[in-house]
Amino acid sequence: MSNENNITEKTLRYIHGEMSDAELREFEAILKLDPSLQKTVAEDRSIFERSKPLRGIPGGQWDKLVDHILKEMDPASSTALKNSEEPGIIIPFPAKASGEKPAHRRRFPGIVLAAAAALLLLFLIPRWLLSPLSWQAPLIDQSSALRDGGDQETVFQRYTEQDFQKAFGRFQESMNRTYRHRDFKSRPFSLLPRREWKLSTSIREMRAGRVAISVTAVHPDGTGTTKEWTEYYRNLEAWGADADALSQRIAGELGELHGHE
């Protein structure tokens, strides 16, 4: 270590109170006889005292740090130092790595993203809470006229009310989801869903135990115009398994009708 660096280190240790008693006596003896060293100690002590308010500030609070440095800066000496070839003075304040952005700059993208997400939720919530479909309870038709003439036993007797509700609920859920998705895709910038369709469903037993599913949609313009669909399945379970395909068909045709915006 060079003599100059050794003096600088001893000066800093002296100002920071890190010397042992023996080192302190030796340094103070030299200090009394060396005016240049006295000036250096005075300058370093001044810097140390001015940096004391920064010691309680977390490294991320750069705004306070910058304000403090600007207050302490002498524009004239700063310009002179900039134009000279002498190295600058390093202020020993606690700070984070120079490559790291100030905390308020690091937080800004997160704040912007959070605000955008909140606005997006406010934009989407009405579209998902206000259903464009209104459902009536399903009608279960076990009329013997729709079955084989000599068959006195209805196949529907083997199904419980829970079975019908489960199959209908599967179709209803798929229909709501599919139509809402098509509505959003076709009108992404609309705050409200399409006007409400009124849907009714009938479940009828046909010959050979087959099941006929009829869906009727009443036009939301109030004129009473209807649109009907009927599909046939080998049993109730097959309808539940095919609910998505039927929903896609009905939602697609409803979305193409005019006058229901």
C-alpha atoms as a PDB file:
ATOM      1  CA  MET A   1       0.000   0.000   0.000  1.00  0.00           C
ATOM      2  CA  SER A   2       1.442   3.427  -0.970  1.00  0.00           C
ATOM      3  CA  ASN A   3       2.120   6.063   1.648  1.00  0.00           C
ATOM      4  CA  GLU A   4      -0.702   8.279   0.263  1.00  0.00           C
ATOM      5  CA  ASN A   5      -3.258   5.494   0.478  1.00  0.00           C
ATOM      6  CA  ASN A   6      -2.000   4.626   3.962  1.00  0.00           C
ATOM      7  CA  ILE A   7      -2.540   8.241   5.114  1.00  0.00           C
ATOM      8  CA  THR A   8      -6.031   8.313   3.550  1.00  0.00           C
ATOM      9  CA  GLU A   9      -7.027   5.108   5.299  1.00  0.00           C
ATOM     10  CA  LYS A  10      -5.697   6.308   8.642  1.00  0.00           C
ATOM     11  CA  THR A  11      -7.547   9.628   8.186  1.00  0.00           C
ATOM     12  CA  LEU A  12     -10.847   7.849   7.564  1.00  0.00           C
ATOM     13  CA  ARG A  13     -10.330   5.490  10.494  1.00  0.00           C
ATOM     14  CA  TYR A  14      -9.491   8.486  12.708  1.00  0.00           C
ATOM     15  CA  ILE A  15     -12.657  10.380  11.667  1.00  0.00           C
ATOM     16  CA  HIS A  16     -14.846   7.281  12.030  1.00  0.00           C
ATOM     17  CA  GLY A  17     -13.387   6.500  15.475  1.00  0.00           C
ATOM     18  CA  GLU A  18     -12.015   3.121  14.469  1.00  0.00           C
ATOM     19  CA  MET A  19      -8.433   3.505  15.823  1.00  0.00           C
ATOM     20  CA  SER A  20      -7.084   1.775  18.854  1.00  0.00           C
ATOM     21  CA  ASP A  21      -5.740   3.922  21.698  1.00  0.00           C
ATOM     22  CA  ALA A  22      -2.133   3.427  20.575  1.00  0.00           C
ATOM     23  CA  GLU A  23      -2.931   4.285  16.936  1.00  0.00           C
ATOM     24  CA  LEU A  24      -4.912   7.325  18.063  1.00  0.00           C
ATOM     25  CA  ARG A  25      -1.995   8.726  20.115  1.00  0.00           C
ATOM     26  CA  GLU A  26       0.431   8.160  17.261  1.00  0.00           C
ATOM     27  CA  PHE A  27      -1.850   9.781  14.643  1.00  0.00           C
ATOM     28  CA  GLU A  28      -2.675  12.831  16.795  1.00  0.00           C
ATOM     29  CA  ALA A  29       1.041  13.405  17.384  1.00  0.00           C
ATOM     30  CA  ILE A  30       1.658  13.474  13.631  1.00  0.00           C
ATOM     31  CA  LEU A  31      -1.468  15.600  13.067  1.00  0.00           C
ATOM     32  CA  LYS A  32      -0.189  18.391  15.366  1.00  0.00           C
ATOM     33  CA  LEU A  33       2.966  18.772  13.261  1.00  0.00           C
ATOM     34  CA  ASP A  34       1.471  18.456   9.741  1.00  0.00           C
ATOM     35  CA  PRO A  35      -0.727  21.383   8.459  1.00  0.00           C
ATOM     36  CA  SER A  36      -1.483  19.514   5.207  1.00  0.00           C
ATOM     37  CA  LEU A  37      -2.795  16.536   7.140  1.00  0.00           C
ATOM     38  CA  GLN A  38      -4.841  18.884   9.355  1.00  0.00           C
ATOM     39  CA  LYS A  39      -6.506  20.330   6.237  1.00  0.00           C
ATOM     40  CA  THR A  40      -7.237  16.851   4.865  1.00  0.00           C
ATOM     41  CA  VAL A  41      -8.752  15.731   8.158  1.00  0.00           C
ATOM     42  CA  ALA A  42     -10.895  18.883   8.326  1.00  0.00           C
ATOM     43  CA  GLU A  43     -12.234  18.348   4.791  1.00  0.00           C
ATOM     44  CA  ASP A  44     -12.929  14.674   5.340  1.00  0.00           C
ATOM     45  CA  ARG A  45     -14.589  15.363   8.693  1.00  0.00           C
ATOM     46  CA  SER A  46     -16.840  17.959   7.008  1.00  0.00           C
ATOM     47  CA  ILE A  47     -17.894  15.431   4.403  1.00  0.00           C
ATOM     48  CA  PHE A  48     -18.485  12.828   7.111  1.00  0.00           C
ATOM     49  CA  GLU A  49     -20.671  15.196   9.142  1.00  0.00           C
ATOM     50  CA  ARG A  50     -22.703  16.231   6.096  1.00  0.00           C
ATOM     51  CA  SER A  51     -23.345  12.603   5.196  1.00  0.00           C
ATOM     52  CA  LYS A  52     -24.655  11.683   8.672  1.00  0.00           C
ATOM     53  CA  PRO A  53     -28.330  12.329   7.768  1.00  0.00           C
ATOM     54  CA  LEU A  54     -28.005   9.744   5.006  1.00  0.00           C
ATOM     55  CA  ARG A  55     -27.027   6.905   7.297  1.00  0.00           C
ATOM     56  CA  GLY A  56     -30.585   6.294   8.450  1.00  0.00           C
ATOM     57  CA  ILE A  57     -32.008   6.335   4.914  1.00  0.00           C
ATOM     58  CA  PRO A  58     -32.491   2.958   3.167  1.00  0.00           C
ATOM     59  CA  GLY A  59     -30.475   2.703  -0.010  1.00  0.00           C
ATOM     60  CA  GLY A  60     -33.650   2.606  -2.145  1.00  0.00           C
ATOM     61  CA  GLN A  61     -34.801   6.109  -1.104  1.00  0.00           C
ATOM     62  CA  TRP A  62     -32.894   7.876  -3.833  1.00  0.00           C
ATOM     63  CA  ASP A  63     -35.046  10.995  -3.907  1.00  0.00           C
ATOM     64  CA  LYS A  64     -33.833  12.075  -0.448  1.00  0.00           C
ATOM     65  CA  LEU A  65     -30.280  11.200  -1.403  1.00  0.00           C
ATOM     66  CA  VAL A  66     -30.350  13.292  -4.581  1.00  0.00           C
ATOM     67  CA  ASP A  67     -31.905  16.252  -2.750  1.00  0.00           C
ATOM     68  CA  HIS A  68     -29.163  16.104  -0.142  1.00  0.00           C
ATOM     69  CA  ILE A  69     -26.376  15.984  -2.726  1.00  0.00           C
ATOM     70  CA  LEU A  70     -27.836  18.896  -4.691  1.00  0.00           C
ATOM     71  CA  LYS A  71     -28.046  21.022  -1.559  1.00  0.00           C
ATOM     72  CA  GLU A  72     -24.412  20.285  -0.730  1.00  0.00           C
ATOM     73  CA  MET A  73     -23.155  20.864  -4.268  1.00  0.00           C
ATOM     74  CA  ASP A  74     -21.239  24.056  -5.070  1.00  0.00           C
ATOM     75  CA  PRO A  75     -21.872  24.784  -8.788  1.00  0.00           C
ATOM     76  CA  ALA A  76     -18.620  26.764  -9.181  1.00  0.00           C
ATOM     77  CA  SER A  77     -16.369  24.149  -7.629  1.00  0.00           C
ATOM     78  CA  SER A  78     -18.267  21.404  -9.400  1.00  0.00           C
ATOM     79  CA  THR A  79     -17.563  23.001 -12.776  1.00  0.00           C
ATOM     80  CA  ALA A  80     -13.951  23.602 -11.903  1.00  0.00           C
ATOM     81  CA  LEU A  81     -13.504  20.008 -10.805  1.00  0.00           C
ATOM     82  CA  LYS A  82     -15.156  18.777 -13.983  1.00  0.00           C
ATOM     83  CA  ASN A  83     -12.748  20.749 -16.157  1.00  0.00           C
ATOM     84  CA  SER A  84      -9.662  19.792 -14.204  1.00  0.00           C
ATOM     85  CA  GLU A  85      -7.679  16.601 -14.363  1.00  0.00           C
ATOM     86  CA  GLU A  86      -7.852  15.983 -10.613  1.00  0.00           C
ATOM     87  CA  PRO A  87      -9.851  12.957  -9.484  1.00  0.00           C
ATOM     88  CA  GLY A  88     -13.163  13.640  -7.800  1.00  0.00           C
ATOM     89  CA  ILE A  89     -13.880  13.106  -4.123  1.00  0.00           C
ATOM     90  CA  ILE A  90     -15.844   9.965  -3.233  1.00  0.00           C
ATOM     91  CA  ILE A  91     -18.528  10.664  -0.645  1.00  0.00           C
ATOM     92  CA  PRO A  92     -18.790   7.648   1.662  1.00  0.00           C
ATOM     93  CA  PHE A  93     -22.583   7.494   1.986  1.00  0.00           C
ATOM     94  CA  PRO A  94     -24.472   4.166   1.970  1.00  0.00           C
ATOM     95  CA  ALA A  95     -26.000   3.575  -1.455  1.00  0.00           C
ATOM     96  CA  LYS A  96     -26.869   0.654  -3.691  1.00  0.00           C
ATOM     97  CA  ALA A  97     -25.003  -0.405  -6.797  1.00  0.00           C
ATOM     98  CA  SER A  98     -24.795   2.339  -9.431  1.00  0.00           C
ATOM     99  CA  GLY A  99     -26.412   0.104 -12.047  1.00  0.00           C
ATOM    100  CA  GLU A 100     -29.623  -0.292 -10.061  1.00  0.00           C
ATOM    101  CA  LYS A 101     -32.539   2.016 -10.830  1.00  0.00           C
ATOM    102  CA  PRO A 102     -34.027   4.251  -8.121  1.00  0.00           C
ATOM    103  CA  ALA A 103     -36.863   2.666  -6.194  1.00  0.00           C
ATOM    104  CA  HIS A 104     -39.554   4.952  -7.581  1.00  0.00           C
ATOM    105  CA  ARG A 105     -38.454   4.071 -11.117  1.00  0.00           C
ATOM    106  CA  ARG A 106     -38.467   0.348 -10.334  1.00  0.00           C
ATOM    107  CA  ARG A 107     -41.966   0.622  -8.866  1.00  0.00           C
ATOM    108  CA  PHE A 108     -43.436   2.668 -11.740  1.00  0.00           C
ATOM    109  CA  PRO A 109     -43.924  -0.241 -14.230  1.00  0.00           C
ATOM    110  CA  GLY A 110     -45.607  -2.290 -11.496  1.00  0.00           C
ATOM    111  CA  ILE A 111     -47.944   0.586 -10.634  1.00  0.00           C
ATOM    112  CA  VAL A 112     -48.862   1.018 -14.297  1.00  0.00           C
ATOM    113  CA  LEU A 113     -49.552  -2.708 -14.706  1.00  0.00           C
ATOM    114  CA  ALA A 114     -51.679  -2.811 -11.548  1.00  0.00           C
ATOM    115  CA  ALA A 115     -53.723   0.180 -12.732  1.00  0.00           C
ATOM    116  CA  ALA A 116     -54.197  -1.395 -16.160  1.00  0.00           C
ATOM    117  CA  ALA A 117     -55.321  -4.678 -14.577  1.00  0.00           C
ATOM    118  CA  ALA A 118     -57.835  -2.828 -12.382  1.00  0.00           C
ATOM    119  CA  LEU A 119     -59.259  -0.986 -15.379  1.00  0.00           C
ATOM    120  CA  LEU A 120     -59.478  -4.238 -17.313  1.00  0.00           C
ATOM    121  CA  LEU A 121     -61.431  -5.865 -14.476  1.00  0.00           C
ATOM    122  CA  LEU A 122     -63.833  -2.925 -14.341  1.00  0.00           C
ATOM    123  CA  PHE A 123     -64.238  -3.281 -18.076  1.00  0.00           C
ATOM    124  CA  LEU A 124     -64.865  -7.046 -18.043  1.00  0.00           C
ATOM    125  CA  ILE A 125     -66.913  -7.572 -14.868  1.00  0.00           C
ATOM    126  CA  PRO A 126     -70.223  -6.262 -16.306  1.00  0.00           C
ATOM    127  CA  ARG A 127     -69.782  -8.509 -19.354  1.00  0.00           C
ATOM    128  CA  TRP A 128     -69.377 -11.618 -17.162  1.00  0.00           C
ATOM    129  CA  LEU A 129     -71.845 -10.876 -14.388  1.00  0.00           C
ATOM    130  CA  LEU A 130     -74.741  -9.779 -16.600  1.00  0.00           C
ATOM    131  CA  SER A 131     -75.769 -12.935 -18.448  1.00  0.00           C
ATOM    132  CA  PRO A 132     -77.294 -12.428 -21.902  1.00  0.00           C
ATOM    133  CA  LEU A 133     -79.298 -15.661 -21.487  1.00  0.00           C
ATOM    134  CA  SER A 134     -82.400 -16.158 -19.339  1.00  0.00           C
ATOM    135  CA  TRP A 135     -83.374 -19.766 -18.639  1.00  0.00           C
ATOM    136  CA  GLN A 136     -86.683 -21.388 -17.789  1.00  0.00           C
ATOM    137  CA  ALA A 137     -86.866 -24.676 -15.930  1.00  0.00           C
ATOM    138  CA  PRO A 138     -86.635 -27.654 -18.331  1.00  0.00           C
ATOM    139  CA  LEU A 139     -89.844 -29.438 -19.335  1.00  0.00           C
ATOM    140  CA  ILE A 140     -89.635 -33.249 -19.056  1.00  0.00           C
ATOM    141  CA  ASP A 141     -92.155 -34.941 -21.361  1.00  0.00           C
ATOM    142  CA  GLN A 142     -92.887 -38.657 -20.802  1.00  0.00           C
ATOM    143  CA  SER A 143     -95.970 -38.866 -23.038  1.00  0.00           C
ATOM    144  CA  SER A 144     -96.694 -42.468 -24.091  1.00  0.00           C
ATOM    145  CA  ALA A 145     -97.667 -41.271 -27.570  1.00  0.00           C
ATOM    146  CA  LEU A 146     -94.005 -40.699 -28.290  1.00  0.00           C
ATOM    147  CA  ARG A 147     -93.017 -44.264 -27.354  1.00  0.00           C
ATOM    148  CA  ASP A 148     -93.646 -47.681 -28.874  1.00  0.00           C
ATOM    149  CA  GLY A 149     -97.357 -48.482 -28.758  1.00  0.00           C
ATOM    150  CA  GLY A 150     -97.065 -51.690 -26.739  1.00  0.00           C
ATOM    151  CA  ASP A 151     -94.410 -50.418 -24.365  1.00  0.00           C
ATOM    152  CA  GLN A 152     -96.018 -49.537 -21.057  1.00  0.00           C
ATOM    153  CA  GLU A 153     -92.731 -48.829 -19.270  1.00  0.00           C
ATOM    154  CA  THR A 154     -91.063 -45.456 -19.846  1.00  0.00           C
ATOM    155  CA  VAL A 155     -87.267 -45.510 -20.074  1.00  0.00           C
ATOM    156  CA  PHE A 156     -87.265 -42.177 -18.232  1.00  0.00           C
ATOM    157  CA  GLN A 157     -88.359 -43.999 -15.076  1.00  0.00           C
ATOM    158  CA  ARG A 158     -84.803 -45.163 -14.530  1.00  0.00           C
ATOM    159  CA  TYR A 159     -83.632 -41.549 -14.238  1.00  0.00           C
ATOM    160  CA  THR A 160     -83.972 -39.527 -11.042  1.00  0.00           C
ATOM    161  CA  GLU A 161     -84.668 -35.815 -10.849  1.00  0.00           C
ATOM    162  CA  GLN A 162     -80.998 -35.306 -10.049  1.00  0.00           C
ATOM    163  CA  ASP A 163     -80.058 -37.056 -13.311  1.00  0.00           C
ATOM    164  CA  PHE A 164     -82.192 -34.653 -15.344  1.00  0.00           C
ATOM    165  CA  GLN A 165     -80.890 -31.636 -13.428  1.00  0.00           C
ATOM    166  CA  LYS A 166     -77.288 -32.750 -13.907  1.00  0.00           C
ATOM    167  CA  ALA A 167     -77.695 -33.180 -17.672  1.00  0.00           C
ATOM    168  CA  PHE A 168     -79.567 -29.892 -18.019  1.00  0.00           C
ATOM    169  CA  GLY A 169     -77.062 -28.071 -15.800  1.00  0.00           C
ATOM    170  CA  ARG A 170     -74.192 -29.340 -17.952  1.00  0.00           C
ATOM    171  CA  PHE A 171     -75.877 -27.994 -21.090  1.00  0.00           C
ATOM    172  CA  GLN A 172     -76.858 -24.705 -19.430  1.00  0.00           C
ATOM    173  CA  GLU A 173     -73.314 -24.059 -18.179  1.00  0.00           C
ATOM    174  CA  SER A 174     -71.811 -24.853 -21.586  1.00  0.00           C
ATOM    175  CA  MET A 175     -74.350 -22.651 -23.364  1.00  0.00           C
ATOM    176  CA  ASN A 176     -73.737 -19.657 -21.057  1.00  0.00           C
ATOM    177  CA  ARG A 177     -69.969 -19.951 -21.422  1.00  0.00           C
ATOM    178  CA  THR A 178     -70.031 -20.437 -25.206  1.00  0.00           C
ATOM    179  CA  TYR A 179     -72.448 -17.612 -25.940  1.00  0.00           C
ATOM    180  CA  ARG A 180     -70.663 -15.202 -23.593  1.00  0.00           C
ATOM    181  CA  HIS A 181     -67.344 -16.025 -25.282  1.00  0.00           C
ATOM    182  CA  ARG A 182     -68.804 -15.415 -28.755  1.00  0.00           C
ATOM    183  CA  ASP A 183     -70.367 -12.170 -27.556  1.00  0.00           C
ATOM    184  CA  PHE A 184     -67.046 -10.902 -26.219  1.00  0.00           C
ATOM    185  CA  LYS A 185     -65.134 -12.020 -29.312  1.00  0.00           C
ATOM    186  CA  SER A 186     -67.520 -10.289 -31.719  1.00  0.00           C
ATOM    187  CA  ARG A 187     -67.801  -7.088 -29.640  1.00  0.00           C
ATOM    188  CA  PRO A 188     -64.609  -6.774 -27.536  1.00  0.00           C
ATOM    189  CA  PHE A 189     -65.044  -3.063 -26.781  1.00  0.00           C
ATOM    190  CA  SER A 190     -68.635  -3.180 -25.574  1.00  0.00           C
ATOM    191  CA  LEU A 191     -69.190  -2.706 -21.829  1.00  0.00           C
ATOM    192  CA  LEU A 192     -72.527  -4.519 -21.737  1.00  0.00           C
ATOM    193  CA  PRO A 193     -73.565  -7.965 -23.045  1.00  0.00           C
ATOM    194  CA  ARG A 194     -76.096  -8.460 -25.806  1.00  0.00           C
ATOM    195  CA  ARG A 195     -79.726  -8.033 -24.931  1.00  0.00           C
ATOM    196  CA  GLU A 196     -81.160 -10.981 -23.051  1.00  0.00           C
ATOM    197  CA  TRP A 197     -82.387 -14.082 -24.861  1.00  0.00           C
ATOM    198  CA  LYS A 198     -85.082 -16.156 -23.152  1.00  0.00           C
ATOM    199  CA  LEU A 199     -84.406 -19.870 -23.515  1.00  0.00           C
ATOM    200  CA  SER A 200     -86.633 -22.854 -22.749  1.00  0.00           C
ATOM    201  CA  THR A 201     -85.685 -26.522 -22.988  1.00  0.00           C
ATOM    202  CA  SER A 202     -87.823 -29.631 -23.308  1.00  0.00           C
ATOM    203  CA  ILE A 203     -86.598 -33.202 -22.784  1.00  0.00           C
ATOM    204  CA  ARG A 204     -88.806 -35.769 -24.500  1.00  0.00           C
ATOM    205  CA  GLU A 205     -88.673 -39.555 -24.567  1.00  0.00           C
ATOM    206  CA  MET A 206     -88.890 -41.007 -28.074  1.00  0.00           C
ATOM    207  CA  ARG A 207     -89.274 -44.557 -29.437  1.00  0.00           C
ATOM    208  CA  ALA A 208     -86.598 -47.118 -28.562  1.00  0.00           C
ATOM    209  CA  GLY A 209     -85.657 -45.086 -25.533  1.00  0.00           C
ATOM    210  CA  ARG A 210     -84.113 -42.230 -27.490  1.00  0.00           C
ATOM    211  CA  VAL A 211     -84.150 -38.677 -26.131  1.00  0.00           C
ATOM    212  CA  ALA A 212     -85.189 -35.547 -28.040  1.00  0.00           C
ATOM    213  CA  ILE A 213     -83.828 -32.224 -26.796  1.00  0.00           C
ATOM    214  CA  SER A 214     -85.645 -29.106 -28.024  1.00  0.00           C
ATOM    215  CA  VAL A 215     -84.386 -25.594 -27.297  1.00  0.00           C
ATOM    216  CA  THR A 216     -86.472 -22.503 -28.011  1.00  0.00           C
ATOM    217  CA  ALA A 217     -85.037 -18.960 -27.945  1.00  0.00           C
ATOM    218  CA  VAL A 218     -87.344 -15.957 -27.764  1.00  0.00           C
ATOM    219  CA  HIS A 219     -86.048 -12.885 -29.590  1.00  0.00           C
ATOM    220  CA  PRO A 220     -85.086 -10.010 -27.222  1.00  0.00           C
ATOM    221  CA  ASP A 221     -86.762  -7.367 -29.399  1.00  0.00           C
ATOM    222  CA  GLY A 222     -90.085  -8.053 -27.672  1.00  0.00           C
ATOM    223  CA  THR A 223     -91.921  -9.142 -30.844  1.00  0.00           C
ATOM    224  CA  GLY A 224     -92.176 -12.762 -29.708  1.00  0.00           C
ATOM    225  CA  THR A 225     -90.081 -14.062 -32.623  1.00  0.00           C
ATOM    226  CA  THR A 226     -88.615 -17.467 -31.780  1.00  0.00           C
ATOM    227  CA  LYS A 227     -85.825 -19.723 -32.985  1.00  0.00           C
ATOM    228  CA  GLU A 228     -85.947 -23.489 -32.358  1.00  0.00           C
ATOM    229  CA  TRP A 229     -83.455 -26.360 -32.385  1.00  0.00           C
ATOM    230  CA  THR A 230     -84.044 -30.101 -31.868  1.00  0.00           C
ATOM    231  CA  GLU A 231     -81.403 -32.793 -31.482  1.00  0.00           C
ATOM    232  CA  TYR A 232     -81.819 -36.547 -30.866  1.00  0.00           C
ATOM    233  CA  TYR A 233     -79.652 -38.680 -28.575  1.00  0.00           C
ATOM    234  CA  ARG A 234     -79.634 -42.382 -27.706  1.00  0.00           C
ATOM    235  CA  ASN A 235     -80.012 -41.571 -23.982  1.00  0.00           C
ATOM    236  CA  LEU A 236     -79.730 -38.790 -21.405  1.00  0.00           C
ATOM    237  CA  GLU A 237     -76.037 -39.392 -20.813  1.00  0.00           C
ATOM    238  CA  ALA A 238     -75.254 -38.889 -24.494  1.00  0.00           C
ATOM    239  CA  TRP A 239     -76.893 -35.454 -24.370  1.00  0.00           C
ATOM    240  CA  GLY A 240     -74.747 -34.452 -21.408  1.00  0.00           C
ATOM    241  CA  ALA A 241     -71.586 -35.631 -23.182  1.00  0.00           C
ATOM    242  CA  ASP A 242     -72.537 -33.714 -26.344  1.00  0.00           C
ATOM    243  CA  ALA A 243     -73.567 -30.493 -24.570  1.00  0.00           C
ATOM    244  CA  ASP A 244     -70.614 -28.467 -25.899  1.00  0.00           C
ATOM    245  CA  ALA A 245     -71.366 -29.319 -29.552  1.00  0.00           C
ATOM    246  CA  LEU A 246     -75.039 -28.342 -29.210  1.00  0.00           C
ATOM    247  CA  SER A 247     -74.058 -25.136 -27.404  1.00  0.00           C
ATOM    248  CA  GLN A 248     -71.645 -24.204 -30.192  1.00  0.00           C
ATOM    249  CA  ARG A 249     -74.364 -24.655 -32.803  1.00  0.00           C
ATOM    250  CA  ILE A 250     -77.024 -22.653 -30.964  1.00  0.00           C
ATOM    251  CA  ALA A 251     -74.661 -19.863 -29.865  1.00  0.00           C
ATOM    252  CA  GLY A 252     -73.328 -19.519 -33.408  1.00  0.00           C
ATOM    253  CA  GLU A 253     -76.789 -19.178 -34.938  1.00  0.00           C
ATOM    254  CA  LEU A 254     -77.969 -16.761 -32.258  1.00  0.00           C
ATOM    255  CA  GLY A 255     -74.909 -14.592 -32.813  1.00  0.00           C
ATOM    256  CA  GLU A 256     -75.700 -14.300 -36.528  1.00  0.00           C
ATOM    257  CA  LEU A 257     -79.255 -13.048 -36.036  1.00  0.00           C
ATOM    258  CA  HIS A 258     -79.878  -9.337 -36.567  1.00  0.00           C
ATOM    259  CA  GLY A 259     -81.662  -6.926 -34.292  1.00  0.00           C
ATOM    260  CA  HIS A 260     -80.546  -8.279 -30.938  1.00  0.00           C
ATOM    261  CA  GLU A 261     -77.744  -5.797 -30.143  1.00  0.00           C
END
